[in-house]
Each structure stands twice: as structure tokens, then as C-alpha cells.
Amino acid sequence: MNVLVILAVILYFLMEFIGGKKGARSFIAIFLNFGVILVTVLAMKEPAIDPVVFTLIASVVISCINLFYINEVNSKTKTAFLSTMITVVILLFFILILSDRAMIQGFGKEETEELGALSKYVGVDFVKIGASVIIMSTIGAITDTAIAISSPMRELFHHRPFVTRKELFRFGISIGKDILGTSTNTLFFAFFGSYLALLLLFKDLSYSWEEIINSKIFSAEMITILCSGIGVALIIPITAWINASYLIKRRDKQKVTG
């Protein structure tokens, strides 16, 4: 426990020293997001609560924390929030269909021993639980990508107020191209780093390459990674288009009223 406190204190001082007030808010946002995730997990065990609907609500709250609480309410956070919600809804429908067709819900045979003494009648829809897990795993990367595109687009518009919608959109796509590779690789290594023990288990069980690929637990993890990457890629044109449309419309409206 002392180690956790020391590491948290070091992280707080570093974030405040480098990021100032925004860094301090970012540190607090970590615990706020953890609280949202904890409430979401606890609520999913209730039969009356739909995991997908509750995940959408949790995604809205997490997006508000990451965007409005950390970066305050302004045009870039508003457009980033709208882009995030559109992407999450599109991705959620895709994930629900994919999870049902791929049959990755539930537990794999590698987890049978740990679950042997537990009841299998948990009363939850594992297809929806699987979709919720994927959405919660990718919401952070989606909001980060949205604000990373929205912010420089607003700066470009501020310094070049007569830029065209097409030029502004292309600039947003150009920014997205620069961060797409790093964002997807970050997701890939984050997931595989957390599941390194699973790979060691496959080695101990002498799994062949074909058995690893067809393992439910491995397939579920790979689908999570790929869906997260799709979400990061999808948010780029959506954010670029929404920002370009919003900024140009605001400029045209100011010309009319002025």
C-alpha cells in the first residue's frame, strides 16, 4: 500500500509540474474514471440493467470527464465530444453483431479450472458484456484522438480565419494520419502486455499456432484490439468533418451578423 501511495504522489507532482492546473485535473480524472468504471461493473450484475445501455451512459460520463473537466468547455471539446459519441454508437452496433457471430462470449476452456467451483448461472448476457468490455477498453483512445485532432484544427482556424472547409478537413485528416499508427500500436501493446501471462500459458500447454488462433480467449482479445483500432481510425474523419463544418458555419454566421 505504501508503494502505491508513493507512486501516486510522484505521478501527481510530475503531472502538476509539467501540466500545471490541467495536469492536476488530469490526475483527479484518473480516479473519477475509475469510479465510473467501478460503478458500471457493479451495475452490470443487476438483471434489470442492460449492459449496453449502461455502457453508453458510462461512455458519456467518461468523455465528459476527459474532455470537459480536463480541457474545459469550449468549441474543441464540444466537437470532440460529439465526434466521440457518434463513433461509439457506430462501433457499438458493429461490435454487437460481430460478438454474436464470432461466438466469443463467455469463458474459454483455459479458465475452466478457476471457474469450476463457481455457479455458471450468472444471469447476464455475455454478448452484451463482451461488447461493453470492448467499448470501455477503447473509449479513452477515442477521446484522446478526437481532442488531438480538434485542438490543432481550431488553432489553424484561429491563425488562418479565411481557410476553406476543404483545406480545414484535409488538415484534420493529416493530423489523424500522424497519430493513427501510434494510437493503434499503443492499444496493441497495452492489451498484449496485460495478457502476456496468457501467452505463457499457451506455451506451457504446448498449443500449436492453429490452436492459439482458434482459442476463444485469444480470439476475444484480438477482436478487442482490432475493434479498438477501428474506433480510432473511424474517429479521425468524423472529427475532421464535424470540426470543419462547425468552424466554417460559425465564421459564416459571424459575417452575416457582423
Foldseek 3Di string as FASTA:
>chain_A
DVVVVVVLVVQQVVQCVVVNPLSNLVSVLVVVLVVLVVVLVVVQLDLVDQSQVSLLVSLLVNLCSVQCRNPNDDDLSVLLSVLLSVLLVVLLVVQLVVCVVLVLFDDFPVCCVVCVVPDPPSNGDRSSVLSSVLSSLQSVLSSVLSSQLSVVLVVVCVVVVPDALVVSLVSLLVSLVVCLVVSLVVLVCVLCVVCVVVVVVCVVVVPDPVRQCPTSVNVSSVVSSVSSSVSSVSSRSSSSNSSSVVSVVVSVVVVVVD
